[in-house]
Amino acid sequence: MATQLLKSITKKTHFPSITITRPKTTSSQYVASRARDPTFEKLMDSYKNLLKVISIQDLILANPKNAVVSLPFLSKLSQKLHLNRGAASFLRKYPHIFLISHDPKTAQILCRLTPSALQIARQESEAINDDLPIVVDRLVRLLTMSVSKTLPLRALFKVWREMGLPDDFEDSVIAKNSRLFRVFDNAQEPGTHLVKLVGCNNGVFKSSCFSSAVEKWRVEECCKEGVDGEEIKFSFRHGYPPGMRLSKVFKAKVREWQRLPCVGPYDKMSMSELKKISDNGCVMALEKRAVGIVHEFLSLTVEKTVEVEKISHFRKWFGIEFNIRDLFLDHPGIFYLSTKGKRHTVFLREAYERGYLVCLNPVYDARRKLLDLVRFGRRGLVNGGSKLRDEEGTELLVENNDSN
């Protein structure tokens, strides 16, 4: 399939300009000019605080035998954790997640998780461990999309949570599946390691057996009555932010782009083949291949979302020569980019409906419960939650700042 597409693509020496016309502005202006989607922006309002909660939760759970951290310790990390008003103020906002107590032995104020938050953390961990076969498949697919079937270990550490990997995945997933994965030193960067997929060489599996999320959608669409299979053959599902103006020229360009042949994310492609496509001036074919890869990357994540900075670590390994962020901005019908929380976060549009995942999974269910606690804030507390209380109900005075 990939070979036939490659031949058909390289036969043409020129492709018409059928992508979205990018305005002649700076990169920051291009980001600022994007069409906003209120649903995703509202989700990110809570999500940006959830990320801070998770950072503190990880610190608390780092020592299973004594799952506590001191308030002075968190205060020292306030800037790194982006707690603008300080650790005490942030903890005060989420008493359904954090418990504050005074340790008479050390005379320190300690922070631990509430029973509800602790139960959610355990539920997530159990869901990941129960889905280890899916986790292995997910990692195999990531490596299969790499041109060299190799990825930096540090890049995987960047997205271990997004991919639903156990926090000890290097031992529990990679080392325990030596028939599939091999870790070795990176000769180009001393002190770093690479993970290589070896299962395709010893017959454990064939990459051709994988179907991408968009390919499955195309099959489902083609089975519907009245749908033209030729129109769907290379298409991606589109949906735009409310109120976004879609001109006739824009719609025509999208229709042409949808018909453009493309190589799938799991189709075997060498760097020489990619260079051949580029040398023939088929930039749009490479661009659509890149869209397919990042679409599949997002489809593999637990919550169908990831920070742009994190996915950028995979760009050259996937053979993508385009700016990842601009790729998302160029296709607002497929992706949504949010800049809330001083970070660029991309969502797969088709995976969400009214701020919730369409296809749920156990890990997402647990994380959504934690997000609900974040949204719950201080509701249901004595005196409107003006003070923190420890397990015995003793009031703990903290500064009265609400914004973080």
Protein backbone atom coordinates (compact mmCIF):
# COMPACT_ATOMS: atom_id res chain seq x y z
CA MET A 1 0.00 0.00 0.00
CA ALA A 2 2.73 2.47 1.02
CA THR A 3 4.85 1.57 -2.03
CA GLN A 4 1.93 2.16 -4.41
CA LEU A 5 1.13 5.49 -2.77
CA LEU A 6 4.79 6.50 -2.91
CA LYS A 7 4.88 5.83 -6.66
CA SER A 8 1.68 7.77 -7.29
CA ILE A 9 2.88 10.68 -5.18
CA THR A 10 6.37 10.93 -6.69
CA LYS A 11 5.01 10.78 -10.25
CA LYS A 12 3.72 14.30 -9.75
CA THR A 13 6.29 17.04 -9.75
CA HIS A 14 4.03 19.69 -8.30
CA PHE A 15 1.12 19.84 -5.90
CA PRO A 16 -1.29 22.76 -5.86
CA SER A 17 -1.29 24.95 -2.77
CA ILE A 18 -4.24 23.41 -1.00
CA THR A 19 -3.41 23.97 2.65
CA ILE A 20 -4.83 26.74 4.75
CA THR A 21 -3.23 30.02 3.78
CA ARG A 22 -1.09 31.07 6.70
CA PRO A 23 -1.21 34.79 7.47
CA LYS A 24 2.02 36.74 7.19
CA THR A 25 2.43 37.32 10.91
CA THR A 26 4.79 36.28 13.64
CA SER A 27 4.38 32.89 15.28
CA SER A 28 2.88 34.42 18.43
CA GLN A 29 0.42 36.46 16.37
CA TYR A 30 -0.59 33.33 14.47
CA VAL A 31 -1.35 31.59 17.77
CA ALA A 32 -3.27 34.61 19.07
CA SER A 33 -5.37 34.88 15.89
CA ARG A 34 -6.70 31.31 16.07
CA ALA A 35 -10.45 30.72 16.49
CA ARG A 36 -11.34 30.00 20.13
CA ASP A 37 -13.54 27.12 21.22
CA PRO A 38 -15.35 27.95 24.51
CA THR A 39 -15.81 24.27 25.43
CA PHE A 40 -12.11 23.45 25.28
CA GLU A 41 -11.14 26.74 26.93
CA LYS A 42 -13.49 26.02 29.84
CA LEU A 43 -12.00 22.54 30.18
CA MET A 44 -8.49 24.01 30.25
CA ASP A 45 -9.47 26.45 33.02
CA SER A 46 -9.80 23.45 35.33
CA TYR A 47 -7.16 21.32 33.62
CA LYS A 48 -4.36 23.83 34.20
CA ASN A 49 -4.99 23.60 37.97
CA LEU A 50 -5.31 19.81 37.74
CA LEU A 51 -1.75 19.66 36.41
CA LYS A 52 -0.53 21.54 39.48
CA VAL A 53 -2.51 19.22 41.75
CA ILE A 54 -0.96 16.20 40.03
CA SER A 55 2.55 17.61 40.50
CA ILE A 56 1.97 17.93 44.26
CA GLN A 57 0.27 14.53 44.37
CA ASP A 58 3.34 12.92 42.75
CA LEU A 59 5.57 14.48 45.41
CA ILE A 60 3.32 13.16 48.18
CA LEU A 61 3.17 9.64 46.73
CA ALA A 62 6.89 9.49 45.95
CA ASN A 63 7.42 7.76 49.32
CA PRO A 64 4.68 5.10 49.68
CA LYS A 65 5.73 4.30 53.27
CA ASN A 66 5.29 7.89 54.39
CA ALA A 67 3.11 9.68 51.84
CA VAL A 68 3.46 13.23 53.15
CA VAL A 69 5.38 16.39 52.28
CA SER A 70 6.05 19.40 54.46
CA LEU A 71 4.53 22.77 53.68
CA PRO A 72 7.96 24.50 53.82
CA PHE A 73 9.23 22.02 51.20
CA LEU A 74 6.32 22.81 48.88
CA SER A 75 6.80 26.53 49.48
CA LYS A 76 10.38 26.26 48.20
CA LEU A 77 9.04 24.64 45.03
CA SER A 78 6.24 27.18 44.52
CA GLN A 79 7.87 28.84 41.53
CA LYS A 80 8.76 25.55 39.84
CA LEU A 81 5.23 24.25 40.41
CA HIS A 82 3.75 27.54 39.12
CA LEU A 83 1.98 28.23 42.43
CA ASN A 84 1.82 31.98 41.95
CA ARG A 85 0.31 32.75 45.37
CA GLY A 86 2.35 30.21 47.27
CA ALA A 87 1.86 26.59 48.31
CA ALA A 88 -0.36 27.30 51.33
CA SER A 89 -2.81 29.33 49.27
CA PHE A 90 -3.00 26.65 46.59
CA LEU A 91 -3.58 23.82 49.09
CA ARG A 92 -6.29 25.92 50.72
CA LYS A 93 -8.23 25.96 47.44
CA TYR A 94 -8.52 22.16 47.30
CA PRO A 95 -9.33 20.75 50.76
CA HIS A 96 -11.16 17.82 49.13
CA ILE A 97 -7.77 16.73 47.76
CA PHE A 98 -5.20 17.81 50.36
CA LEU A 99 -5.21 17.27 54.14
CA ILE A 100 -3.11 19.54 56.35
CA SER A 101 -1.84 18.43 59.75
CA HIS A 102 0.65 19.58 62.36
CA ASP A 103 3.44 17.19 63.34
CA PRO A 104 4.29 17.81 67.04
CA LYS A 105 7.58 15.91 66.72
CA THR A 106 9.03 18.08 63.96
CA ALA A 107 6.84 21.14 64.62
CA GLN A 108 6.11 21.23 60.88
CA ILE A 109 2.90 21.51 58.92
CA LEU A 110 2.51 18.42 56.73
CA CYS A 111 0.39 17.77 53.66
CA ARG A 112 -1.10 14.45 52.60
CA LEU A 113 -3.90 13.32 50.31
CA THR A 114 -7.48 13.02 51.52
CA PRO A 115 -9.00 9.51 51.52
CA SER A 116 -10.97 10.43 48.38
CA ALA A 117 -7.91 11.64 46.49
CA LEU A 118 -5.87 8.66 47.67
CA GLN A 119 -8.58 6.28 46.46
CA ILE A 120 -8.60 7.97 43.04
CA ALA A 121 -4.80 7.63 42.80
CA ARG A 122 -5.07 3.92 43.62
CA GLN A 123 -7.89 3.49 41.10
CA GLU A 124 -5.74 5.02 38.35
CA SER A 125 -2.74 2.86 39.26
CA GLU A 126 -4.88 -0.30 39.28
CA ALA A 127 -6.45 0.63 35.93
CA ILE A 128 -3.00 1.03 34.35
CA ASN A 129 -1.74 -2.27 35.77
CA ASP A 130 -4.90 -4.06 34.62
CA ASP A 131 -4.34 -2.73 31.09
CA LEU A 132 -0.66 -3.70 30.71
CA PRO A 133 -1.28 -5.58 27.42
CA ILE A 134 -2.84 -2.38 26.03
CA VAL A 135 0.10 -0.38 27.38
CA VAL A 136 2.55 -2.69 25.59
CA ASP A 137 0.56 -2.37 22.35
CA ARG A 138 0.56 1.41 22.72
CA LEU A 139 4.35 1.52 23.09
CA VAL A 140 4.80 -0.82 20.12
CA ARG A 141 2.64 1.48 17.99
CA LEU A 142 4.65 4.54 19.03
CA LEU A 143 7.90 2.86 18.02
CA THR A 144 6.35 1.59 14.78
CA MET A 145 5.60 5.17 13.71
CA SER A 146 9.28 6.05 14.10
CA VAL A 147 11.19 5.86 10.81
CA SER A 148 14.01 3.92 12.51
CA LYS A 149 11.67 2.06 14.91
CA THR A 150 13.63 3.83 17.65
CA LEU A 151 12.75 6.56 20.17
CA PRO A 152 14.70 8.35 22.92
CA LEU A 153 13.91 7.00 26.37
CA ARG A 154 13.75 10.56 27.72
CA ALA A 155 11.03 11.41 25.16
CA LEU A 156 8.94 8.51 26.47
CA PHE A 157 9.47 9.75 30.02
CA LYS A 158 8.01 13.09 28.87
CA VAL A 159 4.70 11.45 27.90
CA TRP A 160 4.48 8.46 30.25
CA ARG A 161 1.40 9.84 31.98
CA GLU A 162 -0.31 10.89 28.74
CA MET A 163 0.28 7.41 27.29
CA GLY A 164 -1.02 5.70 30.43
CA LEU A 165 2.33 4.03 31.14
CA PRO A 166 3.21 2.88 34.68
CA ASP A 167 5.63 5.23 36.43
CA ASP A 168 8.14 2.35 36.41
CA PHE A 169 7.51 1.47 32.74
CA GLU A 170 11.23 1.08 32.03
CA ASP A 171 11.21 -2.01 34.25
CA SER A 172 7.58 -3.18 34.21
CA VAL A 173 7.01 -2.80 30.46
CA ILE A 174 10.28 -2.50 28.52
CA ALA A 175 12.54 -4.84 30.52
CA LYS A 176 9.79 -7.46 30.93
CA ASN A 177 9.17 -7.56 27.17
CA SER A 178 12.70 -8.09 25.86
CA ARG A 179 11.34 -9.88 22.77
CA LEU A 180 9.78 -6.58 21.75
CA PHE A 181 12.02 -3.83 23.10
CA ARG A 182 15.74 -3.21 23.52
CA VAL A 183 17.37 -0.31 25.37
CA PHE A 184 20.86 0.81 24.34
CA ASP A 185 23.16 3.81 24.69
CA ASN A 186 22.71 6.74 22.33
CA ALA A 187 26.07 7.18 20.60
CA GLN A 188 25.06 10.65 19.40
CA GLU A 189 24.30 11.89 22.93
CA PRO A 190 26.42 10.26 25.66
CA GLY A 191 24.51 9.61 28.86
CA THR A 192 21.17 9.13 27.08
CA HIS A 193 19.41 5.95 25.95
CA LEU A 194 17.29 4.81 23.03
CA VAL A 195 14.48 2.26 22.92
CA LYS A 196 14.30 0.13 19.78
CA LEU A 197 11.48 -2.07 18.57
CA VAL A 198 12.95 -5.51 17.85
CA GLY A 199 9.75 -7.57 17.70
CA CYS A 200 9.27 -6.86 13.98
CA ASN A 201 12.66 -8.47 13.27
CA ASN A 202 12.08 -11.72 15.16
CA GLY A 203 8.55 -12.34 13.90
CA VAL A 204 6.70 -11.44 17.10
CA PHE A 205 4.41 -9.13 15.10
CA LYS A 206 4.09 -7.29 11.78
CA SER A 207 3.60 -3.53 11.61
CA SER A 208 1.26 -4.04 8.65
CA CYS A 209 -1.34 -5.51 11.04
CA PHE A 210 -1.90 -2.11 12.67
CA SER A 211 -4.79 0.13 11.66
CA SER A 212 -4.77 3.78 12.67
CA ALA A 213 -7.71 5.49 14.34
CA VAL A 214 -8.48 7.53 11.23
CA GLU A 215 -8.43 4.41 9.04
CA LYS A 216 -10.99 2.76 11.33
CA TRP A 217 -13.16 5.88 11.07
CA ARG A 218 -12.94 5.78 7.27
CA VAL A 219 -14.12 2.16 7.22
CA GLU A 220 -17.07 3.03 9.47
CA GLU A 221 -18.00 6.01 7.28
CA CYS A 222 -17.79 3.96 4.08
CA CYS A 223 -20.29 1.48 5.54
CA LYS A 224 -22.89 4.22 5.91
CA GLU A 225 -25.59 4.56 3.29
CA GLY A 226 -25.07 7.31 0.74
CA VAL A 227 -21.39 7.89 1.53
CA ASP A 228 -18.95 8.10 -1.40
CA GLY A 229 -16.02 5.82 -0.58
CA GLU A 230 -13.68 7.75 -2.87
CA GLU A 231 -14.40 10.96 -0.96
CA ILE A 232 -13.61 9.27 2.37
CA LYS A 233 -10.58 7.25 1.20
CA PHE A 234 -7.97 9.77 2.41
CA SER A 235 -10.17 12.04 4.53
CA PHE A 236 -9.92 13.12 8.17
CA ARG A 237 -12.89 13.90 10.38
CA HIS A 238 -13.41 17.65 10.73
CA GLY A 239 -15.30 19.85 13.20
CA TYR A 240 -14.73 23.56 13.73
CA PRO A 241 -14.95 25.96 16.69
CA PRO A 242 -18.36 27.65 17.05
CA GLY A 243 -18.47 30.92 15.16
CA MET A 244 -15.41 30.23 13.01
CA ARG A 245 -15.93 31.73 9.57
CA LEU A 246 -15.56 29.17 6.80
CA SER A 247 -15.24 30.94 3.46
CA LYS A 248 -15.91 29.23 0.12
CA VAL A 249 -12.21 29.36 -0.68
CA PHE A 250 -11.35 27.76 2.67
CA LYS A 251 -13.92 24.98 2.18
CA ALA A 252 -12.64 24.31 -1.34
CA LYS A 253 -9.06 24.00 -0.11
CA VAL A 254 -10.11 21.61 2.65
CA ARG A 255 -12.00 19.45 0.14
CA GLU A 256 -8.93 19.26 -2.09
CA TRP A 257 -6.71 18.46 0.89
CA GLN A 258 -9.09 15.68 1.95
CA ARG A 259 -8.73 14.01 -1.47
CA LEU A 260 -4.93 14.18 -1.44
CA PRO A 261 -3.38 10.66 -1.22
CA CYS A 262 -1.33 10.08 1.91
CA VAL A 263 0.82 7.44 3.55
CA GLY A 264 -0.53 5.99 6.81
CA PRO A 265 1.30 6.44 10.13
CA TYR A 266 2.17 2.72 10.32
CA ASP A 267 3.23 2.35 6.68
CA LYS A 268 6.94 1.63 6.42
CA MET A 269 8.86 4.64 5.15
CA SER A 270 12.61 5.18 5.05
CA MET A 271 14.35 8.54 5.27
CA SER A 272 15.43 8.14 1.64
CA GLU A 273 11.81 7.66 0.57
CA LEU A 274 10.73 10.73 2.52
CA LYS A 275 13.55 12.70 0.90
CA LYS A 276 12.45 11.49 -2.52
CA ILE A 277 8.95 12.80 -1.91
CA SER A 278 10.37 16.13 -0.72
CA ASP A 279 12.74 16.42 -3.70
CA ASN A 280 9.82 15.91 -6.07
CA GLY A 281 8.11 18.95 -4.60
CA CYS A 282 5.34 16.92 -2.97
CA VAL A 283 5.37 18.96 0.22
CA MET A 284 1.64 18.59 0.75
CA ALA A 285 1.95 14.80 0.76
CA LEU A 286 4.56 15.04 3.51
CA GLU A 287 2.40 17.52 5.40
CA LYS A 288 -0.63 15.21 5.27
CA ARG A 289 1.54 12.30 6.42
CA ALA A 290 2.64 14.46 9.38
CA VAL A 291 -1.00 15.24 10.21
CA GLY A 292 -1.76 11.51 10.16
CA ILE A 293 1.10 10.75 12.55
CA VAL A 294 0.23 13.40 15.14
CA HIS A 295 -3.45 12.44 14.82
CA GLU A 296 -2.53 8.84 15.66
CA PHE A 297 -0.20 9.99 18.45
CA LEU A 298 -3.09 11.86 20.09
CA SER A 299 -5.40 8.88 19.53
CA LEU A 300 -2.98 6.72 21.52
CA THR A 301 -3.02 9.03 24.55
CA VAL A 302 -5.38 8.30 27.43
CA GLU A 303 -7.10 11.70 27.29
CA LYS A 304 -6.51 12.50 23.59
CA THR A 305 -4.47 15.55 24.54
CA VAL A 306 -0.81 16.44 25.05
CA GLU A 307 1.40 19.49 25.49
CA VAL A 308 2.93 20.64 22.21
CA GLU A 309 6.37 20.83 23.82
CA LYS A 310 6.20 17.13 24.71
CA ILE A 311 5.14 15.84 21.30
CA SER A 312 7.84 18.00 19.69
CA HIS A 313 10.45 15.64 21.16
CA PHE A 314 9.21 12.98 18.72
CA ARG A 315 9.20 15.17 15.60
CA LYS A 316 12.49 14.18 13.96
CA TRP A 317 12.08 10.52 14.96
CA PHE A 318 8.76 10.43 13.11
CA GLY A 319 10.38 12.05 10.08
CA ILE A 320 8.32 15.24 10.41
CA GLU A 321 9.96 18.33 8.92
CA PHE A 322 7.19 20.73 9.88
CA ASN A 323 6.72 22.91 12.95
CA ILE A 324 4.39 20.83 15.13
CA ARG A 325 2.53 23.79 16.62
CA ASP A 326 1.90 25.36 13.20
CA LEU A 327 0.68 21.97 11.98
CA PHE A 328 -2.04 22.06 14.65
CA LEU A 329 -2.95 25.65 13.85
CA ASP A 330 -3.14 24.93 10.12
CA HIS A 331 -5.82 22.29 10.73
CA PRO A 332 -8.36 23.73 13.21
CA GLY A 333 -10.97 21.22 12.07
CA ILE A 334 -8.86 18.31 13.34
CA PHE A 335 -6.99 19.78 16.32
CA TYR A 336 -7.63 22.45 18.92
CA LEU A 337 -4.74 24.38 20.46
CA SER A 338 -5.17 26.06 23.85
CA THR A 339 -2.68 28.39 25.51
CA LYS A 340 -4.22 28.32 29.00
CA GLY A 341 -1.89 27.89 31.96
CA LYS A 342 1.14 29.34 30.13
CA ARG A 343 1.47 26.19 28.06
CA HIS A 344 0.37 25.11 24.60
CA THR A 345 -1.92 22.09 24.82
CA VAL A 346 -3.46 20.34 21.82
CA PHE A 347 -6.69 18.32 21.81
CA LEU A 348 -7.99 15.88 19.23
CA ARG A 349 -11.30 17.53 18.39
CA GLU A 350 -13.20 14.42 17.29
CA ALA A 351 -12.43 12.64 20.58
CA TYR A 352 -14.43 15.16 22.66
CA GLU A 353 -18.06 16.10 22.95
CA ARG A 354 -19.13 18.90 25.32
CA GLY A 355 -15.85 18.70 27.21
CA TYR A 356 -15.91 14.93 27.78
CA LEU A 357 -14.22 12.04 26.00
CA VAL A 358 -16.58 10.23 23.64
CA CYS A 359 -14.92 6.84 24.19
CA LEU A 360 -14.18 6.40 27.89
CA ASN A 361 -11.47 4.23 29.44
CA PRO A 362 -10.73 3.23 33.08
CA VAL A 363 -7.65 5.46 33.43
CA TYR A 364 -9.54 8.48 32.11
CA ASP A 365 -12.42 7.72 34.49
CA ALA A 366 -10.06 7.95 37.48
CA ARG A 367 -8.44 11.15 36.24
CA ARG A 368 -11.82 12.70 35.56
CA LYS A 369 -12.79 12.07 39.19
CA LEU A 370 -9.73 14.01 40.30
CA LEU A 371 -10.64 16.80 37.89
CA ASP A 372 -14.12 16.86 39.42
CA LEU A 373 -12.54 17.36 42.87
CA VAL A 374 -10.51 20.23 41.43
CA ARG A 375 -13.68 21.81 40.07
CA PHE A 376 -15.44 21.21 43.39
CA GLY A 377 -12.92 23.55 45.01
CA ARG A 378 -13.88 24.59 48.55
CA ARG A 379 -17.59 23.92 48.27
CA GLY A 380 -19.14 22.06 51.19
CA LEU A 381 -16.70 23.35 53.81
CA VAL A 382 -17.42 24.88 57.22
CA ASN A 383 -17.66 28.70 57.10
CA GLY A 384 -17.28 28.68 53.33
CA GLY A 385 -13.81 27.17 53.59
CA SER A 386 -12.07 30.28 54.93
CA LYS A 387 -9.64 28.15 56.94
CA LEU A 388 -7.85 24.85 56.53
CA ARG A 389 -8.52 22.15 59.09
CA ASP A 390 -6.48 19.09 59.96
CA GLU A 391 -7.87 15.60 60.68
CA GLU A 392 -8.89 16.56 64.23
CA GLY A 393 -10.66 19.69 63.02
CA THR A 394 -7.97 22.07 64.28
CA GLU A 395 -7.88 25.26 62.26
CA LEU A 396 -4.64 26.02 60.43
CA LEU A 397 -4.15 29.65 59.50
CA VAL A 398 -2.95 30.35 55.97
CA GLU A 399 -2.83 33.46 53.85
CA ASN A 400 -6.18 34.37 52.33
CA ASN A 401 -5.38 34.46 48.60
CA ASP A 402 -7.72 32.84 46.12
CA SER A 403 -5.98 33.05 42.76
CA ASN A 404 -3.13 30.85 41.58
